[in-house]
Amino acid sequence: MKKSKKGNGIIAMSFIIAIMLTALPLPDWAVNWRPDWVAVVLIYWCMAVPDRIGIFIAWFLGLLLDVQQGNILGQNALSMTLIAFLTINSYQRMRAYPLLQQAVLVCFYLLLYKLVMLLILVYLGLNKSDWTYWMPAITSMLLWPWLFIILRDVRRKHRIS
């Protein structure tokens, strides 16, 4: 069976926009509240088209984020692959959940993402986080319903499946 390549540009564009939103400068007070844009978009596409967006793409996106943010090479890559793995293994259940329940699950996945990042920093002796370190998971959870609706409408409009 031939895989459909339709919509790959739209999916790539959504990741590019997420990376740009991650790089967008914010005031000092808002930096710790920035949602994990790339991780949330990755969760959506892993849930919507798990046969096309998977662990390799998550790893590649993580490497891009590592380079963009100046993190230890592989830190985001490991965390993103964990998110992709968890989402792909539970995408059928996630699709059946209402949006609020999905948002809670997204928050849980992003807390795991942040925990892996923190464990790597602690292991290397670079930990300098406080309670605001966990806030992107909360803001991403609050954003999830709107992001889900927008990306779902884009997916339907361009018939990406």
C-alpha atoms as a PDB file:
ATOM      1  CA  MET A   1       0.000   0.000   0.000  1.00  0.00           C
ATOM      2  CA  LYS A   2       1.370   3.373  -1.024  1.00  0.00           C
ATOM      3  CA  LYS A   3       1.687   6.017   1.674  1.00  0.00           C
ATOM      4  CA  SER A   4       0.143   9.380   0.893  1.00  0.00           C
ATOM      5  CA  LYS A   5       2.575  12.292   0.878  1.00  0.00           C
ATOM      6  CA  LYS A   6      -0.247  14.832   0.783  1.00  0.00           C
ATOM      7  CA  GLY A   7       0.061  17.441   3.463  1.00  0.00           C
ATOM      8  CA  ASN A   8       3.734  16.950   4.314  1.00  0.00           C
ATOM      9  CA  GLY A   9       4.350  20.626   3.564  1.00  0.00           C
ATOM     10  CA  ILE A  10       1.516  21.677   5.876  1.00  0.00           C
ATOM     11  CA  ILE A  11       2.849  19.471   8.670  1.00  0.00           C
ATOM     12  CA  ALA A  12       6.381  20.817   8.155  1.00  0.00           C
ATOM     13  CA  MET A  13       5.048  24.383   8.152  1.00  0.00           C
ATOM     14  CA  SER A  14       3.275  23.807  11.476  1.00  0.00           C
ATOM     15  CA  PHE A  15       6.575  22.619  12.983  1.00  0.00           C
ATOM     16  CA  ILE A  16       8.417  25.621  11.523  1.00  0.00           C
ATOM     17  CA  ILE A  17       5.842  27.968  13.037  1.00  0.00           C
ATOM     18  CA  ALA A  18       6.191  26.170  16.389  1.00  0.00           C
ATOM     19  CA  ILE A  19       9.990  26.552  16.258  1.00  0.00           C
ATOM     20  CA  MET A  20       9.589  30.244  15.407  1.00  0.00           C
ATOM     21  CA  LEU A  21       7.181  30.735  18.326  1.00  0.00           C
ATOM     22  CA  THR A  22       9.755  29.063  20.565  1.00  0.00           C
ATOM     23  CA  ALA A  23      12.424  31.509  19.374  1.00  0.00           C
ATOM     24  CA  LEU A  24      10.171  34.557  19.706  1.00  0.00           C
ATOM     25  CA  PRO A  25      11.655  36.992  22.249  1.00  0.00           C
ATOM     26  CA  LEU A  26       9.490  37.550  25.310  1.00  0.00           C
ATOM     27  CA  PRO A  27       9.761  39.940  28.263  1.00  0.00           C
ATOM     28  CA  ASP A  28      11.730  38.583  31.214  1.00  0.00           C
ATOM     29  CA  TRP A  29       8.596  37.977  33.279  1.00  0.00           C
ATOM     30  CA  ALA A  30       7.007  35.862  30.512  1.00  0.00           C
ATOM     31  CA  VAL A  31       9.944  33.658  29.502  1.00  0.00           C
ATOM     32  CA  ASN A  32       9.138  30.946  32.049  1.00  0.00           C
ATOM     33  CA  TRP A  33       5.498  30.886  30.934  1.00  0.00           C
ATOM     34  CA  ARG A  34       6.258  30.196  27.257  1.00  0.00           C
ATOM     35  CA  PRO A  35       4.371  27.080  26.114  1.00  0.00           C
ATOM     36  CA  ASP A  36       6.351  24.137  24.739  1.00  0.00           C
ATOM     37  CA  TRP A  37       5.145  24.883  21.216  1.00  0.00           C
ATOM     38  CA  VAL A  38       7.124  22.219  19.377  1.00  0.00           C
ATOM     39  CA  ALA A  39       6.228  19.503  21.870  1.00  0.00           C
ATOM     40  CA  VAL A  40       2.511  20.325  21.741  1.00  0.00           C
ATOM     41  CA  VAL A  41       2.460  20.393  17.921  1.00  0.00           C
ATOM     42  CA  LEU A  42       4.386  17.101  17.941  1.00  0.00           C
ATOM     43  CA  ILE A  43       1.788  15.561  20.255  1.00  0.00           C
ATOM     44  CA  TYR A  44      -1.001  16.688  17.947  1.00  0.00           C
ATOM     45  CA  TRP A  45       0.560  15.271  14.780  1.00  0.00           C
ATOM     46  CA  CYS A  46       1.596  12.020  16.494  1.00  0.00           C
ATOM     47  CA  MET A  47      -2.001  11.648  17.603  1.00  0.00           C
ATOM     48  CA  ALA A  48      -3.548  12.673  14.258  1.00  0.00           C
ATOM     49  CA  VAL A  49      -1.256  10.841  11.824  1.00  0.00           C
ATOM     50  CA  PRO A  50       0.897   8.400  13.838  1.00  0.00           C
ATOM     51  CA  ASP A  51       1.938   6.500  10.731  1.00  0.00           C
ATOM     52  CA  ARG A  52       3.613   9.635   9.303  1.00  0.00           C
ATOM     53  CA  ILE A  53       4.930  11.526  12.322  1.00  0.00           C
ATOM     54  CA  GLY A  54       6.953   9.378  14.653  1.00  0.00           C
ATOM     55  CA  ILE A  55      10.030   8.960  16.747  1.00  0.00           C
ATOM     56  CA  PHE A  56      12.579   9.888  14.065  1.00  0.00           C
ATOM     57  CA  ILE A  57      10.857  13.192  13.346  1.00  0.00           C
ATOM     58  CA  ALA A  58      10.606  13.831  17.105  1.00  0.00           C
ATOM     59  CA  TRP A  59      14.334  13.160  17.460  1.00  0.00           C
ATOM     60  CA  PHE A  60      15.128  15.511  14.556  1.00  0.00           C
ATOM     61  CA  LEU A  61      12.905  18.262  15.998  1.00  0.00           C
ATOM     62  CA  GLY A  62      14.597  17.804  19.369  1.00  0.00           C
ATOM     63  CA  LEU A  63      18.021  18.235  17.772  1.00  0.00           C
ATOM     64  CA  LEU A  64      16.800  21.404  16.046  1.00  0.00           C
ATOM     65  CA  LEU A  65      15.596  22.739  19.406  1.00  0.00           C
ATOM     66  CA  ASP A  66      18.916  21.813  21.049  1.00  0.00           C
ATOM     67  CA  VAL A  67      20.793  23.819  18.421  1.00  0.00           C
ATOM     68  CA  GLN A  68      18.315  26.710  18.524  1.00  0.00           C
ATOM     69  CA  GLN A  69      18.316  27.010  22.315  1.00  0.00           C
ATOM     70  CA  GLY A  70      21.977  26.174  22.882  1.00  0.00           C
ATOM     71  CA  ASN A  71      21.153  23.167  25.049  1.00  0.00           C
ATOM     72  CA  ILE A  72      23.241  20.056  25.427  1.00  0.00           C
ATOM     73  CA  LEU A  73      23.017  18.226  22.113  1.00  0.00           C
ATOM     74  CA  GLY A  74      20.470  15.443  22.483  1.00  0.00           C
ATOM     75  CA  GLN A  75      18.701  16.776  25.557  1.00  0.00           C
ATOM     76  CA  ASN A  76      15.553  17.916  23.750  1.00  0.00           C
ATOM     77  CA  ALA A  77      15.917  15.047  21.280  1.00  0.00           C
ATOM     78  CA  LEU A  78      15.634  12.453  24.043  1.00  0.00           C
ATOM     79  CA  SER A  79      12.668  14.221  25.617  1.00  0.00           C
ATOM     80  CA  MET A  80      10.856  14.635  22.286  1.00  0.00           C
ATOM     81  CA  THR A  81      11.308  10.974  21.396  1.00  0.00           C
ATOM     82  CA  LEU A  82       9.802  10.041  24.762  1.00  0.00           C
ATOM     83  CA  ILE A  83       6.766  12.237  24.049  1.00  0.00           C
ATOM     84  CA  ALA A  84       6.370  10.797  20.545  1.00  0.00           C
ATOM     85  CA  PHE A  85       6.654   7.243  21.869  1.00  0.00           C
ATOM     86  CA  LEU A  86       4.029   7.821  24.568  1.00  0.00           C
ATOM     87  CA  THR A  87       1.659   9.608  22.195  1.00  0.00           C
ATOM     88  CA  ILE A  88       1.929   7.003  19.444  1.00  0.00           C
ATOM     89  CA  ASN A  89       1.294   4.221  21.953  1.00  0.00           C
ATOM     90  CA  SER A  90      -1.840   5.917  23.277  1.00  0.00           C
ATOM     91  CA  TYR A  91      -3.165   7.858  20.279  1.00  0.00           C
ATOM     92  CA  GLN A  92      -6.355   5.814  19.929  1.00  0.00           C
ATOM     93  CA  ARG A  93      -7.292   6.427  23.556  1.00  0.00           C
ATOM     94  CA  MET A  94      -6.316  10.103  23.318  1.00  0.00           C
ATOM     95  CA  ARG A  95      -8.579  10.604  20.306  1.00  0.00           C
ATOM     96  CA  ALA A  96     -11.539   9.249  22.271  1.00  0.00           C
ATOM     97  CA  TYR A  97     -11.001  11.611  25.211  1.00  0.00           C
ATOM     98  CA  PRO A  98     -12.761  14.990  25.415  1.00  0.00           C
ATOM     99  CA  LEU A  99     -10.523  18.025  24.898  1.00  0.00           C
ATOM    100  CA  LEU A 100     -10.169  18.793  28.606  1.00  0.00           C
ATOM    101  CA  GLN A 101      -9.067  15.269  29.363  1.00  0.00           C
ATOM    102  CA  GLN A 102      -6.632  15.419  26.440  1.00  0.00           C
ATOM    103  CA  ALA A 103      -5.266  18.658  27.881  1.00  0.00           C
ATOM    104  CA  VAL A 104      -4.552  16.968  31.203  1.00  0.00           C
ATOM    105  CA  LEU A 105      -2.775  14.123  29.412  1.00  0.00           C
ATOM    106  CA  VAL A 106      -0.768  16.643  27.376  1.00  0.00           C
ATOM    107  CA  CYS A 107       0.228  18.330  30.642  1.00  0.00           C
ATOM    108  CA  PHE A 108       1.364  14.966  32.031  1.00  0.00           C
ATOM    109  CA  TYR A 109       3.434  14.256  28.910  1.00  0.00           C
ATOM    110  CA  LEU A 110       5.013  17.695  29.083  1.00  0.00           C
ATOM    111  CA  LEU A 111       5.801  17.270  32.775  1.00  0.00           C
ATOM    112  CA  LEU A 112       7.646  14.070  31.817  1.00  0.00           C
ATOM    113  CA  TYR A 113       9.397  16.031  29.058  1.00  0.00           C
ATOM    114  CA  LYS A 114      10.513  18.667  31.550  1.00  0.00           C
ATOM    115  CA  LEU A 115      11.527  15.986  34.082  1.00  0.00           C
ATOM    116  CA  VAL A 116      13.841  14.285  31.577  1.00  0.00           C
ATOM    117  CA  MET A 117      15.365  17.660  30.720  1.00  0.00           C
ATOM    118  CA  LEU A 118      15.835  18.420  34.425  1.00  0.00           C
ATOM    119  CA  LEU A 119      17.387  15.013  35.166  1.00  0.00           C
ATOM    120  CA  ILE A 120      19.959  15.572  32.440  1.00  0.00           C
ATOM    121  CA  LEU A 121      20.807  18.985  33.896  1.00  0.00           C
ATOM    122  CA  VAL A 122      21.034  17.571  37.435  1.00  0.00           C
ATOM    123  CA  TYR A 123      23.261  14.746  36.230  1.00  0.00           C
ATOM    124  CA  LEU A 124      25.606  17.294  34.673  1.00  0.00           C
ATOM    125  CA  GLY A 125      25.467  19.578  37.707  1.00  0.00           C
ATOM    126  CA  LEU A 126      23.799  22.413  35.804  1.00  0.00           C
ATOM    127  CA  ASN A 127      20.479  22.531  37.652  1.00  0.00           C
ATOM    128  CA  LYS A 128      19.332  26.068  38.346  1.00  0.00           C
ATOM    129  CA  SER A 129      15.581  25.701  38.194  1.00  0.00           C
ATOM    130  CA  ASP A 130      12.819  26.834  40.508  1.00  0.00           C
ATOM    131  CA  TRP A 131       9.079  26.238  40.508  1.00  0.00           C
ATOM    132  CA  THR A 132       8.617  28.292  37.333  1.00  0.00           C
ATOM    133  CA  TYR A 133      10.542  25.610  35.424  1.00  0.00           C
ATOM    134  CA  TRP A 134       7.311  23.563  35.308  1.00  0.00           C
ATOM    135  CA  MET A 135       5.037  26.391  34.082  1.00  0.00           C
ATOM    136  CA  PRO A 136       5.346  25.657  30.329  1.00  0.00           C
ATOM    137  CA  ALA A 137       3.496  22.385  30.931  1.00  0.00           C
ATOM    138  CA  ILE A 138       0.618  24.310  32.512  1.00  0.00           C
ATOM    139  CA  THR A 139       0.463  26.986  29.813  1.00  0.00           C
ATOM    140  CA  SER A 140       0.650  24.304  27.108  1.00  0.00           C
ATOM    141  CA  MET A 141      -2.215  22.472  28.779  1.00  0.00           C
ATOM    142  CA  LEU A 142      -4.304  25.657  28.755  1.00  0.00           C
ATOM    143  CA  LEU A 143      -3.481  26.223  25.093  1.00  0.00           C
ATOM    144  CA  TRP A 144      -4.159  22.627  24.000  1.00  0.00           C
ATOM    145  CA  PRO A 145      -7.904  22.906  23.208  1.00  0.00           C
ATOM    146  CA  TRP A 146      -7.403  25.901  20.911  1.00  0.00           C
ATOM    147  CA  LEU A 147      -4.306  24.472  19.255  1.00  0.00           C
ATOM    148  CA  PHE A 148      -6.079  21.146  18.747  1.00  0.00           C
ATOM    149  CA  ILE A 149      -9.058  22.828  17.075  1.00  0.00           C
ATOM    150  CA  ILE A 150      -6.844  24.973  14.818  1.00  0.00           C
ATOM    151  CA  LEU A 151      -4.627  22.065  13.718  1.00  0.00           C
ATOM    152  CA  ARG A 152      -7.634  19.767  13.266  1.00  0.00           C
ATOM    153  CA  ASP A 153      -9.274  22.329  10.994  1.00  0.00           C
ATOM    154  CA  VAL A 154      -6.038  22.723   9.005  1.00  0.00           C
ATOM    155  CA  ARG A 155      -5.760  18.933   8.708  1.00  0.00           C
ATOM    156  CA  ARG A 156      -9.365  18.614   7.510  1.00  0.00           C
ATOM    157  CA  LYS A 157      -9.085  21.518   5.075  1.00  0.00           C
ATOM    158  CA  HIS A 158      -6.010  20.019   3.424  1.00  0.00           C
ATOM    159  CA  ARG A 159      -7.301  16.429   3.774  1.00  0.00           C
ATOM    160  CA  ILE A 160      -4.216  15.189   5.622  1.00  0.00           C
ATOM    161  CA  SER A 161      -4.639  11.609   6.763  1.00  0.00           C
END
